[in-house]
Amino acid sequence: ARFKEADRLVKQMLANDKANAQGRPVEKAFTGVLNPSKSPTRNGKTSAREHFAECFTLFKNDPTAMRRVSATTFDWFTAGTHVTLSATPLEP
């Protein structure tokens, strides 16, 4: 029974890794809010993951600056859309 459970957990981890490599749902959705080419930092322009991380950091640390960069992005974070999407299960 323990072997089957361990095997199931390993398969689940591998499926999650594969899904994460393709981008998390919140990162994918965020690229539709603010084009990564308009990311407020150079690092944010390197990938969807970095784009989301840089914008979220700016929103948390300097919301006024985030609003100047993109009012739509500021509203997206303020509405908690990122929280709702983060609860979305990864597809294996």
PDB file of N, CA and C in Angstrom:
ATOM      1  N   ALA A   1       0.829  -1.189   0.000  1.00  0.00           N
ATOM      2  CA  ALA A   1       0.000   0.000   0.000  1.00  0.00           C
ATOM      3  C   ALA A   1       0.880   1.262   0.000  1.00  0.00           C
ATOM      4  N   ARG A   2       1.957   1.228   0.762  1.00  0.00           N
ATOM      5  CA  ARG A   2       2.840   2.404   0.811  1.00  0.00           C
ATOM      6  C   ARG A   2       3.538   2.631  -0.529  1.00  0.00           C
ATOM      7  N   PHE A   3       3.922   1.533  -1.179  1.00  0.00           N
ATOM      8  CA  PHE A   3       4.575   1.656  -2.475  1.00  0.00           C
ATOM      9  C   PHE A   3       3.636   2.295  -3.491  1.00  0.00           C
ATOM     10  N   LYS A   4       2.375   1.873  -3.497  1.00  0.00           N
ATOM     11  CA  LYS A   4       1.396   2.433  -4.441  1.00  0.00           C
ATOM     12  C   LYS A   4       1.186   3.923  -4.175  1.00  0.00           C
ATOM     13  N   GLU A   5       1.119   4.284  -2.914  1.00  0.00           N
ATOM     14  CA  GLU A   5       0.935   5.702  -2.567  1.00  0.00           C
ATOM     15  C   GLU A   5       2.166   6.508  -2.973  1.00  0.00           C
ATOM     16  N   ALA A   6       3.355   5.985  -2.731  1.00  0.00           N
ATOM     17  CA  ALA A   6       4.584   6.673  -3.137  1.00  0.00           C
ATOM     18  C   ALA A   6       4.639   6.816  -4.656  1.00  0.00           C
ATOM     19  N   ASP A   7       4.267   5.765  -5.354  1.00  0.00           N
ATOM     20  CA  ASP A   7       4.252   5.807  -6.820  1.00  0.00           C
ATOM     21  C   ASP A   7       3.256   6.863  -7.315  1.00  0.00           C
ATOM     22  N   ARG A   8       2.091   6.926  -6.706  1.00  0.00           N
ATOM     23  CA  ARG A   8       1.081   7.913  -7.079  1.00  0.00           C
ATOM     24  C   ARG A   8       1.602   9.328  -6.850  1.00  0.00           C
ATOM     25  N   LEU A   9       2.256   9.553  -5.734  1.00  0.00           N
ATOM     26  CA  LEU A   9       2.781  10.883  -5.416  1.00  0.00           C
ATOM     27  C   LEU A   9       3.899  11.296  -6.378  1.00  0.00           C
ATOM     28  N   VAL A  10       4.751  10.363  -6.735  1.00  0.00           N
ATOM     29  CA  VAL A  10       5.829  10.663  -7.696  1.00  0.00           C
ATOM     30  C   VAL A  10       5.224  11.031  -9.045  1.00  0.00           C
ATOM     31  N   LYS A  11       4.234  10.277  -9.487  1.00  0.00           N
ATOM     32  CA  LYS A  11       3.580  10.577 -10.763  1.00  0.00           C
ATOM     33  C   LYS A  11       2.903  11.948 -10.723  1.00  0.00           C
ATOM     34  N   GLN A  12       2.308  12.273  -9.592  1.00  0.00           N
ATOM     35  CA  GLN A  12       1.658  13.572  -9.439  1.00  0.00           C
ATOM     36  C   GLN A  12       2.703  14.699  -9.477  1.00  0.00           C
ATOM     37  N   MET A  13       3.828  14.509  -8.810  1.00  0.00           N
ATOM     38  CA  MET A  13       4.903  15.511  -8.833  1.00  0.00           C
ATOM     39  C   MET A  13       5.421  15.722 -10.247  1.00  0.00           C
ATOM     40  N   LEU A  14       5.632  14.634 -10.976  1.00  0.00           N
ATOM     41  CA  LEU A  14       6.123  14.747 -12.350  1.00  0.00           C
ATOM     42  C   LEU A  14       5.111  15.474 -13.243  1.00  0.00           C
ATOM     43  N   ALA A  15       3.841  15.185 -13.057  1.00  0.00           N
ATOM     44  CA  ALA A  15       2.795  15.867 -13.832  1.00  0.00           C
ATOM     45  C   ALA A  15       2.766  17.358 -13.493  1.00  0.00           C
ATOM     46  N   ASN A  16       2.919  17.683 -12.210  1.00  0.00           N
ATOM     47  CA  ASN A  16       2.948  19.094 -11.800  1.00  0.00           C
ATOM     48  C   ASN A  16       4.162  19.807 -12.382  1.00  0.00           C
ATOM     49  N   ASP A  17       5.309  19.138 -12.386  1.00  0.00           N
ATOM     50  CA  ASP A  17       6.520  19.734 -12.971  1.00  0.00           C
ATOM     51  C   ASP A  17       6.320  20.021 -14.450  1.00  0.00           C
ATOM     52  N   LYS A  18       5.703  19.084 -15.155  1.00  0.00           N
ATOM     53  CA  LYS A  18       5.454  19.261 -16.579  1.00  0.00           C
ATOM     54  C   LYS A  18       4.498  20.440 -16.804  1.00  0.00           C
ATOM     55  N   ALA A  19       3.457  20.517 -16.001  1.00  0.00           N
ATOM     56  CA  ALA A  19       2.490  21.621 -16.125  1.00  0.00           C
ATOM     57  C   ALA A  19       3.141  22.954 -15.777  1.00  0.00           C
ATOM     58  N   ASN A  20       3.972  22.977 -14.746  1.00  0.00           N
ATOM     59  CA  ASN A  20       4.664  24.210 -14.356  1.00  0.00           C
ATOM     60  C   ASN A  20       5.601  24.693 -15.452  1.00  0.00           C
ATOM     61  N   ALA A  21       6.228  23.770 -16.146  1.00  0.00           N
ATOM     62  CA  ALA A  21       7.153  24.145 -17.217  1.00  0.00           C
ATOM     63  C   ALA A  21       6.423  24.873 -18.336  1.00  0.00           C
ATOM     64  N   GLN A  22       5.151  24.592 -18.500  1.00  0.00           N
ATOM     65  CA  GLN A  22       4.356  25.247 -19.540  1.00  0.00           C
ATOM     66  C   GLN A  22       3.767  26.567 -19.055  1.00  0.00           C
ATOM     67  N   GLY A  23       3.929  26.880 -17.799  1.00  0.00           N
ATOM     68  CA  GLY A  23       3.419  28.123 -17.231  1.00  0.00           C
ATOM     69  C   GLY A  23       2.203  27.872 -16.363  1.00  0.00           C
ATOM     70  N   ARG A  24       2.189  28.530 -15.245  1.00  0.00           N
ATOM     71  CA  ARG A  24       1.053  28.400 -14.341  1.00  0.00           C
ATOM     72  C   ARG A  24      -0.125  29.190 -14.901  1.00  0.00           C
ATOM     73  N   PRO A  25      -1.354  28.793 -14.543  1.00  0.00           N
ATOM     74  CA  PRO A  25      -2.537  29.495 -15.065  1.00  0.00           C
ATOM     75  C   PRO A  25      -2.508  31.001 -14.822  1.00  0.00           C
ATOM     76  N   VAL A  26      -2.058  31.415 -13.651  1.00  0.00           N
ATOM     77  CA  VAL A  26      -2.035  32.851 -13.349  1.00  0.00           C
ATOM     78  C   VAL A  26      -1.033  33.591 -14.245  1.00  0.00           C
ATOM     79  N   GLU A  27       0.096  32.973 -14.526  1.00  0.00           N
ATOM     80  CA  GLU A  27       1.101  33.610 -15.387  1.00  0.00           C
ATOM     81  C   GLU A  27       0.592  33.718 -16.817  1.00  0.00           C
ATOM     82  N   LYS A  28      -0.046  32.649 -17.289  1.00  0.00           N
ATOM     83  CA  LYS A  28      -0.603  32.656 -18.648  1.00  0.00           C
ATOM     84  C   LYS A  28      -1.665  33.742 -18.782  1.00  0.00           C
ATOM     85  N   ALA A  29      -2.560  33.821 -17.814  1.00  0.00           N
ATOM     86  CA  ALA A  29      -3.642  34.813 -17.863  1.00  0.00           C
ATOM     87  C   ALA A  29      -3.082  36.230 -17.785  1.00  0.00           C
ATOM     88  N   PHE A  30      -2.040  36.417 -17.007  1.00  0.00           N
ATOM     89  CA  PHE A  30      -1.494  37.756 -16.809  1.00  0.00           C
ATOM     90  C   PHE A  30      -0.917  38.338 -18.094  1.00  0.00           C
ATOM     91  N   THR A  31      -0.407  37.511 -18.982  1.00  0.00           N
ATOM     92  CA  THR A  31       0.149  38.036 -20.231  1.00  0.00           C
ATOM     93  C   THR A  31      -0.924  38.718 -21.073  1.00  0.00           C
ATOM     94  N   GLY A  32      -2.200  38.388 -20.835  1.00  0.00           N
ATOM     95  CA  GLY A  32      -3.294  39.059 -21.526  1.00  0.00           C
ATOM     96  C   GLY A  32      -3.676  40.383 -20.900  1.00  0.00           C
ATOM     97  N   VAL A  33      -3.213  40.635 -19.685  1.00  0.00           N
ATOM     98  CA  VAL A  33      -3.505  41.883 -18.989  1.00  0.00           C
ATOM     99  C   VAL A  33      -2.495  42.956 -19.389  1.00  0.00           C
ATOM    100  N   LEU A  34      -1.225  42.587 -19.368  1.00  0.00           N
ATOM    101  CA  LEU A  34      -0.157  43.510 -19.751  1.00  0.00           C
ATOM    102  C   LEU A  34       0.852  42.716 -20.576  1.00  0.00           C
ATOM    103  N   ASN A  35       1.037  43.126 -21.792  1.00  0.00           N
ATOM    104  CA  ASN A  35       1.967  42.444 -22.686  1.00  0.00           C
ATOM    105  C   ASN A  35       3.357  42.406 -22.055  1.00  0.00           C
ATOM    106  N   PRO A  36       4.004  41.234 -22.038  1.00  0.00           N
ATOM    107  CA  PRO A  36       5.336  41.135 -21.434  1.00  0.00           C
ATOM    108  C   PRO A  36       6.349  42.123 -22.020  1.00  0.00           C
ATOM    109  N   SER A  37       6.170  42.541 -23.248  1.00  0.00           N
ATOM    110  CA  SER A  37       7.105  43.512 -23.833  1.00  0.00           C
ATOM    111  C   SER A  37       6.983  44.879 -23.165  1.00  0.00           C
ATOM    112  N   LYS A  38       5.905  45.090 -22.401  1.00  0.00           N
ATOM    113  CA  LYS A  38       5.701  46.358 -21.691  1.00  0.00           C
ATOM    114  C   LYS A  38       5.966  46.208 -20.189  1.00  0.00           C
ATOM    115  N   SER A  39       6.616  45.131 -19.818  1.00  0.00           N
ATOM    116  CA  SER A  39       6.938  44.897 -18.415  1.00  0.00           C
ATOM    117  C   SER A  39       7.745  46.068 -17.873  1.00  0.00           C
ATOM    118  N   PRO A  40       7.541  46.443 -16.621  1.00  0.00           N
ATOM    119  CA  PRO A  40       8.243  47.605 -16.076  1.00  0.00           C
ATOM    120  C   PRO A  40       9.743  47.397 -15.843  1.00  0.00           C
ATOM    121  N   THR A  41      10.210  46.160 -15.967  1.00  0.00           N
ATOM    122  CA  THR A  41      11.646  45.906 -15.776  1.00  0.00           C
ATOM    123  C   THR A  41      12.188  45.087 -16.945  1.00  0.00           C
ATOM    124  N   ARG A  42      13.478  45.166 -17.132  1.00  0.00           N
ATOM    125  CA  ARG A  42      14.141  44.385 -18.186  1.00  0.00           C
ATOM    126  C   ARG A  42      13.973  42.891 -17.911  1.00  0.00           C
ATOM    127  N   ASN A  43      14.122  42.501 -16.660  1.00  0.00           N
ATOM    128  CA  ASN A  43      13.989  41.091 -16.302  1.00  0.00           C
ATOM    129  C   ASN A  43      12.572  40.581 -16.575  1.00  0.00           C
ATOM    130  N   GLY A  44      11.572  41.416 -16.392  1.00  0.00           N
ATOM    131  CA  GLY A  44      10.193  41.030 -16.629  1.00  0.00           C
ATOM    132  C   GLY A  44       9.899  40.714 -18.083  1.00  0.00           C
ATOM    133  N   LYS A  45      10.760  41.178 -18.976  1.00  0.00           N
ATOM    134  CA  LYS A  45      10.558  40.936 -20.404  1.00  0.00           C
ATOM    135  C   LYS A  45      11.137  39.598 -20.855  1.00  0.00           C
ATOM    136  N   THR A  46      11.762  38.859 -19.942  1.00  0.00           N
ATOM    137  CA  THR A  46      12.426  37.611 -20.317  1.00  0.00           C
ATOM    138  C   THR A  46      11.497  36.402 -20.385  1.00  0.00           C
ATOM    139  N   SER A  47      10.402  36.403 -19.606  1.00  0.00           N
ATOM    140  CA  SER A  47       9.473  35.269 -19.605  1.00  0.00           C
ATOM    141  C   SER A  47       8.167  35.679 -18.935  1.00  0.00           C
ATOM    142  N   ALA A  48       7.122  34.897 -19.173  1.00  0.00           N
ATOM    143  CA  ALA A  48       5.831  35.170 -18.532  1.00  0.00           C
ATOM    144  C   ALA A  48       5.946  35.077 -17.016  1.00  0.00           C
ATOM    145  N   ARG A  49       6.733  34.129 -16.549  1.00  0.00           N
ATOM    146  CA  ARG A  49       6.913  33.943 -15.102  1.00  0.00           C
ATOM    147  C   ARG A  49       7.567  35.172 -14.471  1.00  0.00           C
ATOM    148  N   GLU A  50       8.632  35.661 -15.099  1.00  0.00           N
ATOM    149  CA  GLU A  50       9.330  36.838 -14.569  1.00  0.00           C
ATOM    150  C   GLU A  50       8.477  38.092 -14.706  1.00  0.00           C
ATOM    151  N   HIS A  51       7.731  38.182 -15.790  1.00  0.00           N
ATOM    152  CA  HIS A  51       6.844  39.324 -16.016  1.00  0.00           C
ATOM    153  C   HIS A  51       5.827  39.427 -14.881  1.00  0.00           C
ATOM    154  N   PHE A  52       5.176  38.308 -14.576  1.00  0.00           N
ATOM    155  CA  PHE A  52       4.207  38.307 -13.479  1.00  0.00           C
ATOM    156  C   PHE A  52       4.880  38.661 -12.158  1.00  0.00           C
ATOM    157  N   ALA A  53       6.026  38.041 -11.895  1.00  0.00           N
ATOM    158  CA  ALA A  53       6.729  38.275 -10.627  1.00  0.00           C
ATOM    159  C   ALA A  53       7.131  39.735 -10.457  1.00  0.00           C
ATOM    160  N   GLU A  54       7.659  40.342 -11.505  1.00  0.00           N
ATOM    161  CA  GLU A  54       8.089  41.740 -11.416  1.00  0.00           C
ATOM    162  C   GLU A  54       6.895  42.673 -11.197  1.00  0.00           C
ATOM    163  N   CYS A  55       5.817  42.436 -11.923  1.00  0.00           N
ATOM    164  CA  CYS A  55       4.641  43.295 -11.770  1.00  0.00           C
ATOM    165  C   CYS A  55       3.990  43.113 -10.401  1.00  0.00           C
ATOM    166  N   PHE A  56       3.920  41.881  -9.921  1.00  0.00           N
ATOM    167  CA  PHE A  56       3.337  41.640  -8.608  1.00  0.00           C
ATOM    168  C   PHE A  56       4.172  42.309  -7.515  1.00  0.00           C
ATOM    169  N   THR A  57       5.480  42.207  -7.647  1.00  0.00           N
ATOM    170  CA  THR A  57       6.369  42.846  -6.675  1.00  0.00           C
ATOM    171  C   THR A  57       6.167  44.357  -6.674  1.00  0.00           C
ATOM    172  N   LEU A  58       6.076  44.934  -7.853  1.00  0.00           N
ATOM    173  CA  LEU A  58       5.847  46.375  -7.943  1.00  0.00           C
ATOM    174  C   LEU A  58       4.494  46.738  -7.342  1.00  0.00           C
ATOM    175  N   PHE A  59       3.473  45.955  -7.631  1.00  0.00           N
ATOM    176  CA  PHE A  59       2.139  46.199  -7.068  1.00  0.00           C
ATOM    177  C   PHE A  59       2.173  46.178  -5.544  1.00  0.00           C
ATOM    178  N   LYS A  60       2.860  45.209  -4.965  1.00  0.00           N
ATOM    179  CA  LYS A  60       2.916  45.092  -3.497  1.00  0.00           C
ATOM    180  C   LYS A  60       3.776  46.183  -2.857  1.00  0.00           C
ATOM    181  N   ASN A  61       4.907  46.523  -3.491  1.00  0.00           N
ATOM    182  CA  ASN A  61       5.848  47.462  -2.880  1.00  0.00           C
ATOM    183  C   ASN A  61       5.585  48.921  -3.219  1.00  0.00           C
ATOM    184  N   ASP A  62       5.001  49.175  -4.384  1.00  0.00           N
ATOM    185  CA  ASP A  62       4.737  50.555  -4.794  1.00  0.00           C
ATOM    186  C   ASP A  62       3.507  50.574  -5.704  1.00  0.00           C
ATOM    187  N   PRO A  63       2.319  50.405  -5.111  1.00  0.00           N
ATOM    188  CA  PRO A  63       1.103  50.326  -5.911  1.00  0.00           C
ATOM    189  C   PRO A  63       0.870  51.571  -6.779  1.00  0.00           C
ATOM    190  N   THR A  64       1.298  52.726  -6.307  1.00  0.00           N
ATOM    191  CA  THR A  64       1.138  53.947  -7.096  1.00  0.00           C
ATOM    192  C   THR A  64       1.941  53.860  -8.390  1.00  0.00           C
ATOM    193  N   ALA A  65       3.154  53.332  -8.302  1.00  0.00           N
ATOM    194  CA  ALA A  65       3.981  53.149  -9.498  1.00  0.00           C
ATOM    195  C   ALA A  65       3.342  52.130 -10.439  1.00  0.00           C
ATOM    196  N   MET A  66       2.772  51.060  -9.878  1.00  0.00           N
ATOM    197  CA  MET A  66       2.122  50.059 -10.730  1.00  0.00           C
ATOM    198  C   MET A  66       0.943  50.686 -11.462  1.00  0.00           C
ATOM    199  N   ARG A  67       0.208  51.548 -10.778  1.00  0.00           N
ATOM    200  CA  ARG A  67      -0.927  52.221 -11.420  1.00  0.00           C
ATOM    201  C   ARG A  67      -0.451  53.129 -12.551  1.00  0.00           C
ATOM    202  N   ARG A  68       0.705  53.785 -12.356  1.00  0.00           N
ATOM    203  CA  ARG A  68       1.267  54.631 -13.423  1.00  0.00           C
ATOM    204  C   ARG A  68       1.686  53.790 -14.628  1.00  0.00           C
ATOM    205  N   VAL A  69       2.267  52.632 -14.368  1.00  0.00           N
ATOM    206  CA  VAL A  69       2.712  51.748 -15.456  1.00  0.00           C
ATOM    207  C   VAL A  69       1.506  51.208 -16.218  1.00  0.00           C
ATOM    208  N   SER A  70       0.505  50.748 -15.479  1.00  0.00           N
ATOM    209  CA  SER A  70      -0.681  50.172 -16.124  1.00  0.00           C
ATOM    210  C   SER A  70      -1.840  50.147 -15.131  1.00  0.00           C
ATOM    211  N   ALA A  71      -2.808  51.013 -15.359  1.00  0.00           N
ATOM    212  CA  ALA A  71      -3.985  51.050 -14.488  1.00  0.00           C
ATOM    213  C   ALA A  71      -4.758  49.734 -14.570  1.00  0.00           C
ATOM    214  N   THR A  72      -4.776  49.124 -15.743  1.00  0.00           N
ATOM    215  CA  THR A  72      -5.469  47.838 -15.922  1.00  0.00           C
ATOM    216  C   THR A  72      -4.829  46.759 -15.056  1.00  0.00           C
ATOM    217  N   THR A  73      -3.508  46.745 -15.029  1.00  0.00           N
ATOM    218  CA  THR A  73      -2.789  45.759 -14.209  1.00  0.00           C
ATOM    219  C   THR A  73      -3.048  46.011 -12.731  1.00  0.00           C
ATOM    220  N   PHE A  74      -2.997  47.272 -12.328  1.00  0.00           N
ATOM    221  CA  PHE A  74      -3.290  47.636 -10.942  1.00  0.00           C
ATOM    222  C   PHE A  74      -4.684  47.135 -10.556  1.00  0.00           C
ATOM    223  N   ASP A  75      -5.669  47.366 -11.407  1.00  0.00           N
ATOM    224  CA  ASP A  75      -7.038  46.928 -11.129  1.00  0.00           C
ATOM    225  C   ASP A  75      -7.141  45.407 -11.065  1.00  0.00           C
ATOM    226  N   TRP A  76      -6.391  44.718 -11.938  1.00  0.00           N
ATOM    227  CA  TRP A  76      -6.392  43.257 -11.968  1.00  0.00           C
ATOM    228  C   TRP A  76      -5.907  42.693 -10.637  1.00  0.00           C
ATOM    229  N   PHE A  77      -4.806  43.242 -10.138  1.00  0.00           N
ATOM    230  CA  PHE A  77      -4.288  42.782  -8.845  1.00  0.00           C
ATOM    231  C   PHE A  77      -5.223  43.184  -7.706  1.00  0.00           C
ATOM    232  N   THR A  78      -5.733  44.410  -7.737  1.00  0.00           N
ATOM    233  CA  THR A  78      -6.620  44.895  -6.679  1.00  0.00           C
ATOM    234  C   THR A  78      -7.874  44.035  -6.575  1.00  0.00           C
ATOM    235  N   ALA A  79      -8.385  43.585  -7.717  1.00  0.00           N
ATOM    236  CA  ALA A  79      -9.583  42.736  -7.731  1.00  0.00           C
ATOM    237  C   ALA A  79      -9.306  41.327  -7.201  1.00  0.00           C
ATOM    238  N   GLY A  80      -8.041  40.963  -7.065  1.00  0.00           N
ATOM    239  CA  GLY A  80      -7.693  39.643  -6.552  1.00  0.00           C
ATOM    240  C   GLY A  80      -7.768  38.540  -7.595  1.00  0.00           C
ATOM    241  N   THR A  81      -7.747  38.913  -8.855  1.00  0.00           N
ATOM    242  CA  THR A  81      -7.815  37.915  -9.925  1.00  0.00           C
ATOM    243  C   THR A  81      -6.671  36.920  -9.814  1.00  0.00           C
ATOM    244  N   HIS A  82      -5.498  37.399  -9.443  1.00  0.00           N
ATOM    245  CA  HIS A  82      -4.337  36.517  -9.308  1.00  0.00           C
ATOM    246  C   HIS A  82      -4.552  35.466  -8.222  1.00  0.00           C
ATOM    247  N   VAL A  83      -5.275  35.821  -7.162  1.00  0.00           N
ATOM    248  CA  VAL A  83      -5.527  34.879  -6.080  1.00  0.00           C
ATOM    249  C   VAL A  83      -6.474  33.777  -6.564  1.00  0.00           C
ATOM    250  N   THR A  84      -7.523  34.179  -7.259  1.00  0.00           N
ATOM    251  CA  THR A  84      -8.485  33.210  -7.785  1.00  0.00           C
ATOM    252  C   THR A  84      -7.798  32.240  -8.749  1.00  0.00           C
ATOM    253  N   LEU A  85      -6.990  32.783  -9.658  1.00  0.00           N
ATOM    254  CA  LEU A  85      -6.311  31.933 -10.644  1.00  0.00           C
ATOM    255  C   LEU A  85      -5.260  31.038 -10.001  1.00  0.00           C
ATOM    256  N   SER A  86      -4.642  31.500  -8.931  1.00  0.00           N
ATOM    257  CA  SER A  86      -3.618  30.682  -8.254  1.00  0.00           C
ATOM    258  C   SER A  86      -4.224  29.435  -7.639  1.00  0.00           C
ATOM    259  N   ALA A  87      -5.514  29.481  -7.368  1.00  0.00           N
ATOM    260  CA  ALA A  87      -6.195  28.310  -6.795  1.00  0.00           C
ATOM    261  C   ALA A  87      -6.588  27.300  -7.867  1.00  0.00           C
ATOM    262  N   THR A  88      -6.380  27.638  -9.139  1.00  0.00           N
ATOM    263  CA  THR A  88      -6.726  26.729 -10.233  1.00  0.00           C
ATOM    264  C   THR A  88      -5.756  25.555 -10.246  1.00  0.00           C
ATOM    265  N   PRO A  89      -6.248  24.324 -10.222  1.00  0.00           N
ATOM    266  CA  PRO A  89      -5.355  23.165 -10.262  1.00  0.00           C
ATOM    267  C   PRO A  89      -4.585  23.116 -11.577  1.00  0.00           C
ATOM    268  N   LEU A  90      -3.368  22.644 -11.518  1.00  0.00           N
ATOM    269  CA  LEU A  90      -2.571  22.468 -12.720  1.00  0.00           C
ATOM    270  C   LEU A  90      -3.092  21.278 -13.490  1.00  0.00           C
ATOM    271  N   GLU A  91      -3.066  21.394 -14.813  1.00  0.00           N
ATOM    272  CA  GLU A  91      -3.487  20.272 -15.643  1.00  0.00           C
ATOM    273  C   GLU A  91      -2.284  19.376 -15.889  1.00  0.00           C
ATOM    274  N   PRO A  92      -2.417  18.075 -15.636  1.00  0.00           N
ATOM    275  CA  PRO A  92      -1.267  17.181 -15.858  1.00  0.00           C
ATOM    276  C   PRO A  92      -0.929  17.017 -17.318  1.00  0.00           C
TER     277      PRO A  92
END
